[in-house]
Amino acid sequence: MPKMKTNRGAAKRFSRTGKGRIKRAQSHLRHILTKKRSKRKRQLGETAYVAECDVPSVKKMLPYS
């Protein structure tokens, strides 16, 4: 049976933690930052995790991670 292919777009966006959870970045931190408060920008920079309902589809895209 051939090897499964990793979805390269997903590989650049998601990574696993030591405990096996899937880590992701938050959106809305690329541009138009002048109108956003410092607290909001600081909180957007924190690590977020993929929701439990989305974990199976992300794991399917990343078979070897």
N, C-alpha and C. Protein backbone atom coordinates (compact mmCIF):
# COMPACT_ATOMS: atom_id res chain seq x y z
N MET A 1 0.84 -1.18 0.00
CA MET A 1 0.00 0.00 0.00
C MET A 1 0.89 1.25 0.00
N PRO A 2 0.57 2.26 -0.79
CA PRO A 2 1.43 3.45 -0.85
C PRO A 2 1.34 4.29 0.42
N LYS A 3 2.33 5.11 0.58
CA LYS A 3 2.34 6.02 1.71
C LYS A 3 1.23 7.05 1.57
N MET A 4 0.75 7.55 2.71
CA MET A 4 -0.26 8.61 2.69
C MET A 4 0.45 9.95 2.57
N LYS A 5 -0.18 10.90 1.92
CA LYS A 5 0.42 12.21 1.76
C LYS A 5 -0.08 13.16 2.84
N THR A 6 0.85 13.95 3.37
CA THR A 6 0.52 14.99 4.32
C THR A 6 0.01 16.20 3.57
N ASN A 7 -1.05 16.80 4.06
CA ASN A 7 -1.55 18.06 3.49
C ASN A 7 -0.57 19.16 3.90
N ARG A 8 0.17 19.70 2.93
CA ARG A 8 1.25 20.64 3.24
C ARG A 8 0.73 21.95 3.81
N GLY A 9 -0.47 22.38 3.40
CA GLY A 9 -1.05 23.59 3.97
C GLY A 9 -1.35 23.41 5.44
N ALA A 10 -1.87 22.24 5.80
CA ALA A 10 -2.17 21.94 7.20
C ALA A 10 -0.89 21.79 8.00
N ALA A 11 0.14 21.22 7.40
CA ALA A 11 1.41 21.02 8.11
C ALA A 11 2.04 22.35 8.52
N LYS A 12 1.80 23.39 7.73
CA LYS A 12 2.35 24.71 8.05
C LYS A 12 1.51 25.43 9.10
N ARG A 13 0.27 24.99 9.31
CA ARG A 13 -0.63 25.69 10.22
C ARG A 13 -0.80 25.03 11.58
N PHE A 14 -0.62 23.72 11.64
CA PHE A 14 -0.87 22.98 12.87
C PHE A 14 0.37 22.22 13.30
N SER A 15 0.50 22.04 14.62
CA SER A 15 1.57 21.20 15.15
C SER A 15 1.07 20.55 16.43
N ARG A 16 1.72 19.45 16.79
CA ARG A 16 1.31 18.73 17.99
C ARG A 16 2.11 19.19 19.20
N THR A 17 1.46 19.15 20.36
CA THR A 17 2.14 19.45 21.61
C THR A 17 2.67 18.15 22.19
N GLY A 18 3.36 18.25 23.29
CA GLY A 18 3.90 17.05 23.93
C GLY A 18 2.82 16.11 24.41
N LYS A 19 1.67 16.64 24.81
CA LYS A 19 0.58 15.80 25.30
C LYS A 19 -0.35 15.33 24.19
N GLY A 20 -0.06 15.71 22.94
CA GLY A 20 -0.84 15.21 21.82
C GLY A 20 -1.94 16.12 21.33
N ARG A 21 -2.12 17.28 21.97
CA ARG A 21 -3.12 18.22 21.49
C ARG A 21 -2.59 18.89 20.22
N ILE A 22 -3.50 19.49 19.44
CA ILE A 22 -3.09 20.13 18.19
C ILE A 22 -3.14 21.63 18.38
N LYS A 23 -1.99 22.26 18.15
CA LYS A 23 -1.80 23.68 18.37
C LYS A 23 -2.05 24.44 17.07
N ARG A 24 -2.61 25.65 17.19
CA ARG A 24 -2.85 26.47 16.01
C ARG A 24 -2.62 27.93 16.38
N ALA A 25 -2.47 28.77 15.35
CA ALA A 25 -2.33 30.21 15.56
C ALA A 25 -3.71 30.86 15.43
N GLN A 26 -3.86 32.04 15.99
CA GLN A 26 -5.12 32.76 15.87
C GLN A 26 -5.03 33.76 14.72
N SER A 27 -6.17 34.10 14.19
CA SER A 27 -6.24 35.01 13.05
C SER A 27 -6.35 36.46 13.53
N HIS A 28 -6.43 37.37 12.60
CA HIS A 28 -6.63 38.81 12.84
C HIS A 28 -5.42 39.52 13.46
N LEU A 29 -4.22 39.03 13.17
CA LEU A 29 -3.04 39.68 13.72
C LEU A 29 -2.04 40.06 12.62
N ARG A 30 -2.48 40.13 11.36
CA ARG A 30 -1.57 40.39 10.26
C ARG A 30 -1.51 41.87 9.86
N HIS A 31 -2.67 42.51 9.80
CA HIS A 31 -2.68 43.91 9.37
C HIS A 31 -3.87 44.62 10.02
N ILE A 32 -3.96 45.92 9.81
CA ILE A 32 -4.96 46.80 10.44
C ILE A 32 -4.86 46.66 11.96
N LEU A 33 -3.65 46.84 12.47
CA LEU A 33 -3.42 46.65 13.90
C LEU A 33 -3.57 47.93 14.70
N THR A 34 -3.65 49.08 14.02
CA THR A 34 -3.71 50.34 14.76
C THR A 34 -5.02 50.51 15.51
N LYS A 35 -6.11 49.97 14.99
CA LYS A 35 -7.39 50.13 15.66
C LYS A 35 -7.65 49.08 16.74
N LYS A 36 -6.78 48.07 16.82
CA LYS A 36 -6.95 47.03 17.82
C LYS A 36 -6.20 47.40 19.10
N ARG A 37 -6.83 47.17 20.22
CA ARG A 37 -6.22 47.50 21.50
C ARG A 37 -5.06 46.54 21.81
N SER A 38 -4.14 47.01 22.65
CA SER A 38 -2.97 46.22 23.00
C SER A 38 -3.36 44.89 23.64
N LYS A 39 -4.38 44.91 24.48
CA LYS A 39 -4.83 43.68 25.13
C LYS A 39 -5.29 42.65 24.11
N ARG A 40 -6.04 43.11 23.11
CA ARG A 40 -6.55 42.21 22.08
C ARG A 40 -5.40 41.61 21.27
N LYS A 41 -4.44 42.46 20.88
CA LYS A 41 -3.30 41.97 20.10
C LYS A 41 -2.47 40.98 20.91
N ARG A 42 -2.30 41.26 22.19
CA ARG A 42 -1.53 40.38 23.06
C ARG A 42 -2.23 39.02 23.19
N GLN A 43 -3.54 39.04 23.36
CA GLN A 43 -4.28 37.78 23.50
C GLN A 43 -4.32 36.99 22.19
N LEU A 44 -4.33 37.68 21.06
CA LEU A 44 -4.32 36.99 19.77
C LEU A 44 -2.98 36.30 19.52
N GLY A 45 -1.92 36.78 20.17
CA GLY A 45 -0.61 36.18 19.99
C GLY A 45 -0.41 34.90 20.79
N GLU A 46 -1.34 34.62 21.72
CA GLU A 46 -1.22 33.42 22.55
C GLU A 46 -1.55 32.16 21.75
N THR A 47 -1.09 31.04 22.27
CA THR A 47 -1.34 29.75 21.63
C THR A 47 -2.81 29.37 21.77
N ALA A 48 -3.38 28.86 20.70
CA ALA A 48 -4.75 28.34 20.73
C ALA A 48 -4.71 26.88 20.30
N TYR A 49 -5.77 26.17 20.61
CA TYR A 49 -5.83 24.75 20.28
C TYR A 49 -7.02 24.49 19.38
N VAL A 50 -6.90 23.49 18.54
CA VAL A 50 -7.98 23.11 17.63
C VAL A 50 -9.14 22.56 18.46
N ALA A 51 -10.36 22.94 18.10
CA ALA A 51 -11.54 22.47 18.81
C ALA A 51 -11.67 20.96 18.67
N GLU A 52 -12.27 20.34 19.69
CA GLU A 52 -12.38 18.87 19.70
C GLU A 52 -13.14 18.34 18.49
N CYS A 53 -14.13 19.08 18.00
CA CYS A 53 -14.91 18.60 16.85
C CYS A 53 -14.10 18.63 15.57
N ASP A 54 -13.04 19.44 15.50
CA ASP A 54 -12.22 19.55 14.30
C ASP A 54 -10.97 18.67 14.34
N VAL A 55 -10.66 18.09 15.49
CA VAL A 55 -9.44 17.30 15.64
C VAL A 55 -9.39 16.11 14.67
N PRO A 56 -10.48 15.34 14.48
CA PRO A 56 -10.38 14.21 13.55
C PRO A 56 -10.00 14.60 12.12
N SER A 57 -10.55 15.71 11.62
CA SER A 57 -10.22 16.12 10.25
C SER A 57 -8.79 16.62 10.15
N VAL A 58 -8.29 17.27 11.19
CA VAL A 58 -6.90 17.73 11.17
C VAL A 58 -5.95 16.54 11.25
N LYS A 59 -6.29 15.55 12.07
CA LYS A 59 -5.44 14.36 12.16
C LYS A 59 -5.39 13.60 10.84
N LYS A 60 -6.49 13.62 10.11
CA LYS A 60 -6.52 12.96 8.80
C LYS A 60 -5.59 13.68 7.81
N MET A 61 -5.48 15.00 7.93
CA MET A 61 -4.60 15.76 7.05
C MET A 61 -3.13 15.61 7.42
N LEU A 62 -2.86 15.24 8.68
CA LEU A 62 -1.49 15.08 9.19
C LEU A 62 -1.26 13.66 9.67
N PRO A 63 -1.16 12.70 8.78
CA PRO A 63 -1.10 11.31 9.21
C PRO A 63 0.17 10.92 9.96
N TYR A 64 1.28 11.62 9.76
CA TYR A 64 2.55 11.20 10.38
C TYR A 64 3.04 12.12 11.47
N SER A 65 2.22 13.06 11.92
CA SER A 65 2.69 13.95 12.99
C SER A 65 2.21 13.49 14.34
